Amino acid sequence: MLALAKKRGIIPEAVVMDAWYSSLDNLKSIRSHGWVWVTTLRKNRIVNHNKQLNELDISEEGTLIHLRGYGWVTVFKSTAKNGRIDYLVTNKDNPTRQRQIYHGCPLVC
């Protein structure tokens, strides 16, 4: 589907998906098209040389991490009003939390 979108000239600002679609193959495919992606990752995803994502101290401004098998990405921790914690991750250079909304919380843009 991504290759067809590229062939048709579609250039998204970002490909946004939930954790279900955040396999390394999908992330690498999106990167190969030169596109930015934004996704959530599960708390037990392995990053920074065998640490789980939920073990990291993630700053409010986002934290640069190494996603095993992919490379460097930025992660933001978002806590919803109901206590649910999401780890929002992007390959965008120098992302910020300011423009978009995800479950009522600021999202990277």
Foldseek 3Di string as FASTA:
>chain_A
DVVVCVVVPNADQEAEDEQVQPDLVNVVVCVVSVHKYKYWHDQQQAWDPGDGNVVDDADQFWDWIQRPPHGIWTWHWDAAPVGDIIIMIMRDPRWGQPDDADNNGGHTD
